[in-house]
Amino acid sequence: MRGDRRPIYAVAAWVRRQPPKVKAFLGVVAGMAALVFLRFIVHDHDNLFVAAEAVHSLGISVLIYKLTKERTCAGLSLKSQDLTALFLAVRLYCSFVMEYDIHTVLDTATLATTLWVIYMIRFKLKSSYMEDKDSFAIYYVVRYLFYDQKQTDDSFVGPRYSRTLVDGFGLCLVGGQLVLRLPSGVV
């Protein structure tokens, strides 16, 4: 009987019948709707950041467990781990300078586990690392970040401050103060 089917099963069956491009579009729309929903529901965004950092640390810990048990790093990108470590080091520096709170502890744990993954790939599991498949050019990302830093308007900070690094999310370290750059200006 078709009348007995629940609406959620009918929607799931309809989604399964759709082509991959439609599924991807629906996934993006659902993700954006979830973000908008969270924006209106969550009032203390600090809890979301702490949860995200904790989940990231947990994920890296599971990766370390996999590396130590399987003794292979096939399919992992050393270059993406290097970029993650660079990002976390800058974030940890900013956290030490400005906040020194739970984010500092979580960033330290995440950086330590990321450095352990890098150590395992570079030294312990080097024979299973596929360098020819890891062809991502880190130089272009880091170069873009410094180029983007130089293109930032200096009128809001004055000439005596120096920006040290800009991460990919538009965060500038300006004379020891973290400034969020948005397309409409500086917050």
N, C-alpha and C. Protein backbone atom coordinates (compact mmCIF):
# COMPACT_ATOMS: atom_id res chain seq x y z
N MET A 1 0.82 -1.19 0.00
CA MET A 1 0.00 0.00 0.00
C MET A 1 0.86 1.25 0.00
N ARG A 2 0.60 2.13 -0.93
CA ARG A 2 1.38 3.36 -1.01
C ARG A 2 0.91 4.39 0.01
N GLY A 3 -0.29 4.33 0.46
CA GLY A 3 -0.83 5.30 1.40
C GLY A 3 -0.22 5.19 2.80
N ASP A 4 0.39 4.04 3.10
CA ASP A 4 0.96 3.82 4.42
C ASP A 4 2.36 4.42 4.58
N ARG A 5 2.96 4.85 3.50
CA ARG A 5 4.33 5.37 3.59
C ARG A 5 4.35 6.70 4.31
N ARG A 6 5.33 6.86 5.16
CA ARG A 6 5.49 8.13 5.87
C ARG A 6 6.09 9.16 4.93
N PRO A 7 5.81 10.43 5.16
CA PRO A 7 6.33 11.47 4.26
C PRO A 7 7.85 11.52 4.20
N ILE A 8 8.52 11.24 5.31
CA ILE A 8 9.98 11.29 5.30
C ILE A 8 10.57 10.23 4.38
N TYR A 9 9.94 9.05 4.34
CA TYR A 9 10.41 7.99 3.44
C TYR A 9 10.16 8.36 1.99
N ALA A 10 9.05 9.02 1.72
CA ALA A 10 8.75 9.45 0.35
C ALA A 10 9.77 10.50 -0.11
N VAL A 11 10.12 11.43 0.78
CA VAL A 11 11.12 12.45 0.42
C VAL A 11 12.48 11.80 0.22
N ALA A 12 12.87 10.86 1.09
CA ALA A 12 14.16 10.18 0.95
C ALA A 12 14.22 9.39 -0.35
N ALA A 13 13.15 8.73 -0.71
CA ALA A 13 13.12 7.99 -1.97
C ALA A 13 13.21 8.93 -3.16
N TRP A 14 12.55 10.09 -3.07
CA TRP A 14 12.61 11.07 -4.15
C TRP A 14 14.03 11.59 -4.32
N VAL A 15 14.71 11.88 -3.20
CA VAL A 15 16.08 12.38 -3.26
C VAL A 15 17.01 11.32 -3.86
N ARG A 16 16.83 10.06 -3.49
CA ARG A 16 17.67 8.99 -4.05
C ARG A 16 17.52 8.86 -5.55
N ARG A 17 16.36 9.17 -6.08
CA ARG A 17 16.12 9.07 -7.53
C ARG A 17 16.71 10.23 -8.32
N GLN A 18 17.12 11.30 -7.66
CA GLN A 18 17.61 12.49 -8.34
C GLN A 18 19.05 12.27 -8.84
N PRO A 19 19.42 13.00 -9.91
CA PRO A 19 20.80 12.91 -10.41
C PRO A 19 21.78 13.51 -9.39
N PRO A 20 23.07 13.18 -9.50
CA PRO A 20 24.07 13.66 -8.53
C PRO A 20 24.14 15.18 -8.41
N LYS A 21 23.98 15.90 -9.51
CA LYS A 21 24.05 17.37 -9.44
C LYS A 21 22.90 17.94 -8.61
N VAL A 22 21.74 17.36 -8.75
CA VAL A 22 20.59 17.83 -7.97
C VAL A 22 20.80 17.49 -6.50
N LYS A 23 21.35 16.31 -6.22
CA LYS A 23 21.64 15.93 -4.84
C LYS A 23 22.66 16.89 -4.22
N ALA A 24 23.68 17.26 -4.99
CA ALA A 24 24.68 18.20 -4.48
C ALA A 24 24.05 19.56 -4.19
N PHE A 25 23.20 20.01 -5.12
CA PHE A 25 22.51 21.29 -4.91
C PHE A 25 21.63 21.24 -3.67
N LEU A 26 20.88 20.17 -3.52
CA LEU A 26 20.03 20.02 -2.34
C LEU A 26 20.85 19.97 -1.05
N GLY A 27 22.02 19.33 -1.11
CA GLY A 27 22.90 19.29 0.05
C GLY A 27 23.41 20.67 0.43
N VAL A 28 23.77 21.47 -0.58
CA VAL A 28 24.25 22.84 -0.32
C VAL A 28 23.13 23.69 0.26
N VAL A 29 21.94 23.57 -0.31
CA VAL A 29 20.80 24.34 0.20
C VAL A 29 20.47 23.91 1.63
N ALA A 30 20.50 22.62 1.91
CA ALA A 30 20.22 22.13 3.26
C ALA A 30 21.28 22.63 4.25
N GLY A 31 22.56 22.63 3.83
CA GLY A 31 23.63 23.13 4.68
C GLY A 31 23.47 24.61 4.98
N MET A 32 23.12 25.39 3.96
CA MET A 32 22.91 26.83 4.18
C MET A 32 21.71 27.07 5.09
N ALA A 33 20.66 26.29 4.90
CA ALA A 33 19.49 26.44 5.76
C ALA A 33 19.84 26.08 7.21
N ALA A 34 20.67 25.06 7.40
CA ALA A 34 21.09 24.69 8.75
C ALA A 34 21.90 25.80 9.39
N LEU A 35 22.78 26.44 8.61
CA LEU A 35 23.57 27.55 9.14
C LEU A 35 22.69 28.74 9.53
N VAL A 36 21.70 29.05 8.69
CA VAL A 36 20.78 30.14 9.02
C VAL A 36 19.98 29.78 10.27
N PHE A 37 19.55 28.54 10.36
CA PHE A 37 18.81 28.08 11.54
C PHE A 37 19.66 28.22 12.80
N LEU A 38 20.93 27.79 12.72
CA LEU A 38 21.83 27.92 13.87
C LEU A 38 22.06 29.39 14.22
N ARG A 39 22.12 30.23 13.23
CA ARG A 39 22.35 31.66 13.48
C ARG A 39 21.25 32.26 14.34
N PHE A 40 20.02 31.83 14.09
CA PHE A 40 18.90 32.37 14.85
C PHE A 40 18.68 31.66 16.19
N ILE A 41 19.11 30.42 16.28
CA ILE A 41 18.87 29.64 17.50
C ILE A 41 19.96 29.85 18.55
N VAL A 42 21.22 29.83 18.12
CA VAL A 42 22.34 29.90 19.06
C VAL A 42 22.66 31.37 19.34
N HIS A 43 22.64 31.72 20.60
CA HIS A 43 22.93 33.10 20.98
C HIS A 43 24.36 33.28 21.46
N ASP A 44 24.95 32.24 22.05
CA ASP A 44 26.34 32.30 22.48
C ASP A 44 27.18 31.48 21.51
N HIS A 45 27.76 32.14 20.51
CA HIS A 45 28.49 31.45 19.46
C HIS A 45 29.79 30.84 19.97
N ASP A 46 30.25 31.25 21.12
CA ASP A 46 31.47 30.69 21.68
C ASP A 46 31.33 29.19 21.92
N ASN A 47 30.14 28.75 22.28
CA ASN A 47 29.91 27.32 22.50
C ASN A 47 30.08 26.53 21.20
N LEU A 48 29.63 27.10 20.08
CA LEU A 48 29.81 26.42 18.79
C LEU A 48 31.28 26.30 18.43
N PHE A 49 32.05 27.36 18.68
CA PHE A 49 33.47 27.31 18.37
C PHE A 49 34.19 26.29 19.24
N VAL A 50 33.85 26.23 20.50
CA VAL A 50 34.46 25.24 21.39
C VAL A 50 34.10 23.83 20.93
N ALA A 51 32.84 23.62 20.57
CA ALA A 51 32.42 22.30 20.08
C ALA A 51 33.15 21.94 18.79
N ALA A 52 33.29 22.89 17.89
CA ALA A 52 33.99 22.62 16.62
C ALA A 52 35.46 22.29 16.86
N GLU A 53 36.10 23.03 17.76
CA GLU A 53 37.51 22.74 18.06
C GLU A 53 37.65 21.39 18.73
N ALA A 54 36.73 21.04 19.60
CA ALA A 54 36.79 19.74 20.27
C ALA A 54 36.60 18.60 19.28
N VAL A 55 35.65 18.76 18.36
CA VAL A 55 35.42 17.73 17.34
C VAL A 55 36.64 17.62 16.42
N HIS A 56 37.26 18.75 16.08
CA HIS A 56 38.46 18.71 15.25
C HIS A 56 39.59 17.96 15.96
N SER A 57 39.78 18.23 17.24
CA SER A 57 40.80 17.51 18.02
C SER A 57 40.50 16.02 18.08
N LEU A 58 39.24 15.69 18.26
CA LEU A 58 38.84 14.29 18.30
C LEU A 58 39.09 13.61 16.95
N GLY A 59 38.78 14.30 15.86
CA GLY A 59 39.03 13.75 14.54
C GLY A 59 40.51 13.49 14.27
N ILE A 60 41.35 14.43 14.67
CA ILE A 60 42.79 14.24 14.50
C ILE A 60 43.27 13.08 15.37
N SER A 61 42.69 12.94 16.57
CA SER A 61 43.07 11.82 17.45
C SER A 61 42.69 10.48 16.83
N VAL A 62 41.52 10.41 16.20
CA VAL A 62 41.12 9.19 15.49
C VAL A 62 42.07 8.91 14.34
N LEU A 63 42.51 9.96 13.65
CA LEU A 63 43.47 9.80 12.57
C LEU A 63 44.79 9.24 13.10
N ILE A 64 45.24 9.73 14.24
CA ILE A 64 46.47 9.21 14.84
C ILE A 64 46.29 7.73 15.20
N TYR A 65 45.15 7.39 15.75
CA TYR A 65 44.88 5.99 16.08
C TYR A 65 44.96 5.12 14.83
N LYS A 66 44.37 5.60 13.74
CA LYS A 66 44.41 4.86 12.47
C LYS A 66 45.84 4.70 11.97
N LEU A 67 46.61 5.79 12.05
CA LEU A 67 47.99 5.73 11.58
C LEU A 67 48.83 4.75 12.40
N THR A 68 48.63 4.72 13.69
CA THR A 68 49.43 3.82 14.53
C THR A 68 48.99 2.37 14.40
N LYS A 69 47.72 2.12 14.15
CA LYS A 69 47.24 0.74 14.03
C LYS A 69 47.50 0.16 12.65
N GLU A 70 47.22 0.92 11.60
CA GLU A 70 47.36 0.40 10.23
C GLU A 70 48.77 0.55 9.68
N ARG A 71 49.56 1.43 10.27
CA ARG A 71 50.95 1.67 9.85
C ARG A 71 51.05 2.07 8.38
N THR A 72 50.09 2.83 7.89
CA THR A 72 50.14 3.35 6.54
C THR A 72 49.48 4.72 6.50
N CYS A 73 50.02 5.58 5.64
CA CYS A 73 49.42 6.91 5.48
C CYS A 73 48.96 7.13 4.05
N ALA A 74 48.71 6.06 3.34
CA ALA A 74 48.25 6.15 1.96
C ALA A 74 46.94 6.93 1.90
N GLY A 75 46.88 7.90 1.00
CA GLY A 75 45.69 8.69 0.82
C GLY A 75 45.64 9.97 1.64
N LEU A 76 46.59 10.17 2.54
CA LEU A 76 46.63 11.39 3.34
C LEU A 76 47.54 12.42 2.68
N SER A 77 47.17 13.68 2.81
CA SER A 77 47.95 14.76 2.24
C SER A 77 48.82 15.40 3.32
N LEU A 78 50.11 15.29 3.17
CA LEU A 78 51.04 15.93 4.09
C LEU A 78 50.96 17.44 3.96
N LYS A 79 50.75 17.92 2.75
CA LYS A 79 50.70 19.36 2.54
C LYS A 79 49.49 20.00 3.21
N SER A 80 48.36 19.32 3.20
CA SER A 80 47.20 19.87 3.90
C SER A 80 47.42 19.85 5.41
N GLN A 81 48.14 18.86 5.90
CA GLN A 81 48.48 18.84 7.33
C GLN A 81 49.43 19.98 7.68
N ASP A 82 50.37 20.27 6.77
CA ASP A 82 51.27 21.40 6.99
C ASP A 82 50.50 22.72 7.04
N LEU A 83 49.55 22.90 6.14
CA LEU A 83 48.73 24.12 6.14
C LEU A 83 47.89 24.22 7.41
N THR A 84 47.35 23.09 7.85
CA THR A 84 46.57 23.08 9.09
C THR A 84 47.43 23.48 10.27
N ALA A 85 48.66 22.95 10.31
CA ALA A 85 49.57 23.29 11.41
C ALA A 85 49.94 24.77 11.37
N LEU A 86 50.16 25.32 10.18
CA LEU A 86 50.47 26.74 10.07
C LEU A 86 49.30 27.59 10.57
N PHE A 87 48.10 27.25 10.14
CA PHE A 87 46.90 27.97 10.57
C PHE A 87 46.73 27.89 12.09
N LEU A 88 46.91 26.68 12.64
CA LEU A 88 46.74 26.52 14.09
C LEU A 88 47.81 27.25 14.87
N ALA A 89 49.04 27.31 14.34
CA ALA A 89 50.11 28.03 15.04
C ALA A 89 49.79 29.52 15.10
N VAL A 90 49.30 30.08 14.01
CA VAL A 90 48.93 31.50 14.01
C VAL A 90 47.75 31.74 14.94
N ARG A 91 46.78 30.85 14.90
CA ARG A 91 45.64 31.00 15.79
C ARG A 91 46.02 30.85 17.25
N LEU A 92 46.96 29.95 17.52
CA LEU A 92 47.43 29.77 18.90
C LEU A 92 48.18 31.00 19.38
N TYR A 93 48.99 31.59 18.51
CA TYR A 93 49.68 32.83 18.86
C TYR A 93 48.66 33.93 19.19
N CYS A 94 47.66 34.07 18.34
CA CYS A 94 46.62 35.09 18.60
C CYS A 94 45.88 34.79 19.90
N SER A 95 45.65 33.52 20.16
CA SER A 95 44.96 33.15 21.39
C SER A 95 45.80 33.47 22.62
N PHE A 96 47.11 33.24 22.53
CA PHE A 96 48.00 33.58 23.65
C PHE A 96 48.02 35.08 23.88
N VAL A 97 48.08 35.84 22.80
CA VAL A 97 48.19 37.29 22.90
C VAL A 97 46.90 37.92 23.41
N MET A 98 45.74 37.42 22.93
CA MET A 98 44.50 38.13 23.19
C MET A 98 43.60 37.47 24.22
N GLU A 99 43.37 36.18 24.12
CA GLU A 99 42.31 35.58 24.90
C GLU A 99 42.82 34.79 26.10
N TYR A 100 43.62 33.81 25.83
CA TYR A 100 44.13 32.88 26.84
C TYR A 100 42.97 32.27 27.63
N ASP A 101 42.13 31.52 26.90
CA ASP A 101 40.97 30.88 27.50
C ASP A 101 40.91 29.43 27.03
N ILE A 102 39.71 28.86 27.00
CA ILE A 102 39.55 27.47 26.60
C ILE A 102 39.99 27.25 25.16
N HIS A 103 39.89 28.28 24.32
CA HIS A 103 40.35 28.15 22.93
C HIS A 103 41.85 27.88 22.89
N THR A 104 42.59 28.47 23.79
CA THR A 104 44.04 28.27 23.83
C THR A 104 44.35 26.81 24.14
N VAL A 105 43.64 26.23 25.07
CA VAL A 105 43.86 24.83 25.44
C VAL A 105 43.50 23.92 24.27
N LEU A 106 42.36 24.16 23.65
CA LEU A 106 41.93 23.32 22.53
C LEU A 106 42.83 23.49 21.32
N ASP A 107 43.26 24.72 21.04
CA ASP A 107 44.18 24.95 19.92
C ASP A 107 45.53 24.28 20.19
N THR A 108 45.99 24.31 21.41
CA THR A 108 47.25 23.64 21.75
C THR A 108 47.13 22.13 21.53
N ALA A 109 46.02 21.54 21.99
CA ALA A 109 45.81 20.10 21.80
C ALA A 109 45.71 19.75 20.31
N THR A 110 44.99 20.57 19.56
CA THR A 110 44.84 20.30 18.13
C THR A 110 46.16 20.47 17.39
N LEU A 111 46.93 21.50 17.75
CA LEU A 111 48.24 21.69 17.11
C LEU A 111 49.17 20.54 17.45
N ALA A 112 49.16 20.09 18.69
CA ALA A 112 50.03 18.98 19.09
C ALA A 112 49.67 17.71 18.32
N THR A 113 48.39 17.42 18.18
CA THR A 113 48.00 16.21 17.46
C THR A 113 48.29 16.35 15.96
N THR A 114 48.11 17.54 15.42
CA THR A 114 48.44 17.75 14.00
C THR A 114 49.94 17.59 13.76
N LEU A 115 50.76 18.12 14.66
CA LEU A 115 52.21 17.94 14.54
C LEU A 115 52.60 16.47 14.66
N TRP A 116 51.87 15.72 15.48
CA TRP A 116 52.15 14.28 15.59
C TRP A 116 51.82 13.58 14.28
N VAL A 117 50.73 13.95 13.64
CA VAL A 117 50.38 13.36 12.33
C VAL A 117 51.46 13.70 11.31
N ILE A 118 51.93 14.94 11.31
CA ILE A 118 53.00 15.33 10.38
C ILE A 118 54.26 14.52 10.65
N TYR A 119 54.61 14.34 11.93
CA TYR A 119 55.78 13.54 12.30
C TYR A 119 55.62 12.10 11.80
N MET A 120 54.45 11.53 12.01
CA MET A 120 54.22 10.15 11.57
C MET A 120 54.36 10.02 10.05
N ILE A 121 53.79 10.97 9.31
CA ILE A 121 53.86 10.88 7.84
C ILE A 121 55.28 11.10 7.35
N ARG A 122 55.97 12.10 7.90
CA ARG A 122 57.32 12.43 7.41
C ARG A 122 58.38 11.40 7.78
N PHE A 123 58.30 10.82 8.96
CA PHE A 123 59.40 9.99 9.44
C PHE A 123 59.03 8.52 9.63
N LYS A 124 57.97 8.22 10.28
CA LYS A 124 57.63 6.83 10.61
C LYS A 124 56.99 6.08 9.46
N LEU A 125 56.15 6.76 8.68
CA LEU A 125 55.40 6.10 7.61
C LEU A 125 55.80 6.62 6.24
N LYS A 126 57.02 7.06 6.11
CA LYS A 126 57.47 7.68 4.86
C LYS A 126 57.36 6.73 3.67
N SER A 127 57.53 5.45 3.89
CA SER A 127 57.49 4.49 2.78
C SER A 127 56.09 4.38 2.16
N SER A 128 55.05 4.64 2.94
CA SER A 128 53.70 4.54 2.39
C SER A 128 53.13 5.88 1.93
N TYR A 129 53.88 6.96 2.12
CA TYR A 129 53.43 8.28 1.70
C TYR A 129 53.58 8.41 0.18
N MET A 130 52.51 8.81 -0.49
CA MET A 130 52.51 8.94 -1.95
C MET A 130 52.73 10.40 -2.33
N GLU A 131 53.98 10.80 -2.39
CA GLU A 131 54.32 12.19 -2.66
C GLU A 131 53.89 12.63 -4.05
N ASP A 132 53.91 11.72 -5.01
CA ASP A 132 53.52 12.08 -6.37
C ASP A 132 52.02 12.40 -6.46
N LYS A 133 51.21 11.85 -5.59
CA LYS A 133 49.78 12.13 -5.58
C LYS A 133 49.45 13.40 -4.79
N ASP A 134 50.34 13.81 -3.91
CA ASP A 134 50.13 15.01 -3.08
C ASP A 134 50.74 16.20 -3.81
N SER A 135 50.05 16.65 -4.85
CA SER A 135 50.62 17.67 -5.74
C SER A 135 50.10 19.07 -5.47
N PHE A 136 49.43 19.29 -4.36
CA PHE A 136 48.91 20.61 -4.04
C PHE A 136 50.06 21.56 -3.74
N ALA A 137 50.05 22.74 -4.34
CA ALA A 137 51.13 23.71 -4.17
C ALA A 137 50.82 24.64 -3.00
N ILE A 138 51.45 24.39 -1.87
CA ILE A 138 51.25 25.22 -0.67
C ILE A 138 51.69 26.65 -0.94
N TYR A 139 52.70 26.80 -1.78
CA TYR A 139 53.26 28.12 -2.07
C TYR A 139 52.19 29.10 -2.50
N TYR A 140 51.25 28.64 -3.34
CA TYR A 140 50.23 29.54 -3.85
C TYR A 140 49.28 30.01 -2.74
N VAL A 141 48.96 29.15 -1.81
CA VAL A 141 48.08 29.53 -0.72
C VAL A 141 48.76 30.53 0.19
N VAL A 142 49.99 30.23 0.61
CA VAL A 142 50.71 31.12 1.52
C VAL A 142 51.02 32.44 0.83
N ARG A 143 51.38 32.37 -0.45
CA ARG A 143 51.65 33.60 -1.20
C ARG A 143 50.40 34.46 -1.28
N TYR A 144 49.25 33.84 -1.52
CA TYR A 144 47.99 34.59 -1.57
C TYR A 144 47.71 35.27 -0.23
N LEU A 145 47.96 34.59 0.87
CA LEU A 145 47.69 35.17 2.18
C LEU A 145 48.53 36.41 2.41
N PHE A 146 49.82 36.35 2.05
CA PHE A 146 50.67 37.52 2.24
C PHE A 146 50.33 38.61 1.24
N TYR A 147 49.95 38.23 0.01
CA TYR A 147 49.52 39.22 -0.97
C TYR A 147 48.26 39.91 -0.48
N ASP A 148 47.31 39.14 0.03
CA ASP A 148 46.07 39.69 0.55
C ASP A 148 46.35 40.62 1.73
N GLN A 149 47.33 40.27 2.53
CA GLN A 149 47.71 41.11 3.66
C GLN A 149 48.18 42.47 3.17
N LYS A 150 48.99 42.48 2.12
CA LYS A 150 49.53 43.74 1.62
C LYS A 150 48.47 44.60 0.93
N GLN A 151 47.41 43.97 0.44
CA GLN A 151 46.36 44.71 -0.25
C GLN A 151 45.34 45.30 0.72
N THR A 152 45.42 44.94 1.98
CA THR A 152 44.46 45.43 2.97
C THR A 152 44.71 46.91 3.23
N ASP A 153 43.65 47.64 3.34
CA ASP A 153 43.73 49.08 3.57
C ASP A 153 44.37 49.36 4.92
N ASP A 154 45.43 50.17 4.95
CA ASP A 154 46.12 50.50 6.18
C ASP A 154 45.54 51.71 6.88
N SER A 155 44.51 52.32 6.33
CA SER A 155 44.00 53.55 6.92
C SER A 155 43.36 53.32 8.29
N PHE A 156 42.93 52.08 8.57
CA PHE A 156 42.28 51.86 9.84
C PHE A 156 43.25 51.51 10.96
N VAL A 157 44.50 51.26 10.65
CA VAL A 157 45.44 50.90 11.70
C VAL A 157 46.56 51.90 11.87
N GLY A 158 46.82 52.68 10.88
CA GLY A 158 47.92 53.63 10.97
C GLY A 158 49.24 52.99 10.60
N PRO A 159 50.24 53.79 10.30
CA PRO A 159 51.51 53.24 9.80
C PRO A 159 52.36 52.57 10.87
N ARG A 160 52.13 52.84 12.17
CA ARG A 160 53.04 52.29 13.17
C ARG A 160 52.75 50.84 13.51
N TYR A 161 51.58 50.30 13.10
CA TYR A 161 51.27 48.91 13.36
C TYR A 161 51.73 48.06 12.20
N SER A 162 52.01 46.81 12.49
CA SER A 162 52.40 45.91 11.40
C SER A 162 51.56 44.65 11.48
N ARG A 163 51.00 44.28 10.36
CA ARG A 163 50.28 43.02 10.28
C ARG A 163 51.30 41.93 10.09
N THR A 164 51.14 40.83 10.81
CA THR A 164 52.10 39.75 10.69
C THR A 164 51.61 38.62 9.81
N LEU A 165 50.32 38.33 9.82
CA LEU A 165 49.82 37.24 9.00
C LEU A 165 48.33 37.38 8.83
N VAL A 166 47.84 36.93 7.72
CA VAL A 166 46.41 36.94 7.45
C VAL A 166 46.03 35.51 7.16
N ASP A 167 44.98 35.00 7.83
CA ASP A 167 44.58 33.64 7.47
C ASP A 167 43.48 33.69 6.43
N GLY A 168 43.08 32.55 5.93
CA GLY A 168 42.14 32.48 4.83
C GLY A 168 40.75 32.94 5.16
N PHE A 169 40.44 33.24 6.40
CA PHE A 169 39.10 33.68 6.76
C PHE A 169 39.03 35.18 6.94
N GLY A 170 40.06 35.92 6.56
CA GLY A 170 40.03 37.37 6.64
C GLY A 170 40.39 37.89 8.01
N LEU A 171 41.15 37.14 8.78
CA LEU A 171 41.57 37.61 10.09
C LEU A 171 42.96 38.21 9.99
N CYS A 172 43.14 39.39 10.52
CA CYS A 172 44.43 40.05 10.49
C CYS A 172 44.95 40.20 11.91
N LEU A 173 46.19 39.94 12.09
CA LEU A 173 46.81 40.25 13.37
C LEU A 173 47.44 41.63 13.20
N VAL A 174 46.87 42.61 13.87
CA VAL A 174 47.28 44.00 13.69
C VAL A 174 47.85 44.50 15.00
N GLY A 175 49.16 44.61 15.07
CA GLY A 175 49.80 45.12 16.27
C GLY A 175 49.35 44.39 17.53
N GLY A 176 49.21 43.07 17.48
CA GLY A 176 48.79 42.31 18.63
C GLY A 176 47.29 42.25 18.82
N GLN A 177 46.52 42.83 17.89
CA GLN A 177 45.07 42.79 17.99
C GLN A 177 44.52 42.10 16.76
N LEU A 178 43.60 41.19 16.96
CA LEU A 178 42.99 40.46 15.87
C LEU A 178 41.82 41.26 15.32
N VAL A 179 41.82 41.51 14.01
CA VAL A 179 40.79 42.31 13.37
C VAL A 179 40.15 41.45 12.29
N LEU A 180 38.83 41.42 12.25
CA LEU A 180 38.10 40.67 11.23
C LEU A 180 37.79 41.60 10.08
N ARG A 181 38.30 41.25 8.88
CA ARG A 181 38.01 42.05 7.71
C ARG A 181 36.82 41.45 7.00
N LEU A 182 35.85 42.28 6.70
CA LEU A 182 34.68 41.87 5.94
C LEU A 182 34.66 42.66 4.65
N PRO A 183 33.93 42.19 3.62
CA PRO A 183 33.89 42.92 2.37
C PRO A 183 33.39 44.35 2.53
N SER A 184 32.51 44.60 3.50
CA SER A 184 31.96 45.94 3.65
C SER A 184 32.83 46.84 4.50
N GLY A 185 33.90 46.34 5.08
CA GLY A 185 34.77 47.17 5.91
C GLY A 185 35.44 46.37 6.98
N VAL A 186 35.80 47.02 8.03
CA VAL A 186 36.53 46.37 9.12
C VAL A 186 35.70 46.41 10.38
N VAL A 187 35.62 45.29 11.05
CA VAL A 187 34.88 45.21 12.31
C VAL A 187 35.88 45.15 13.44
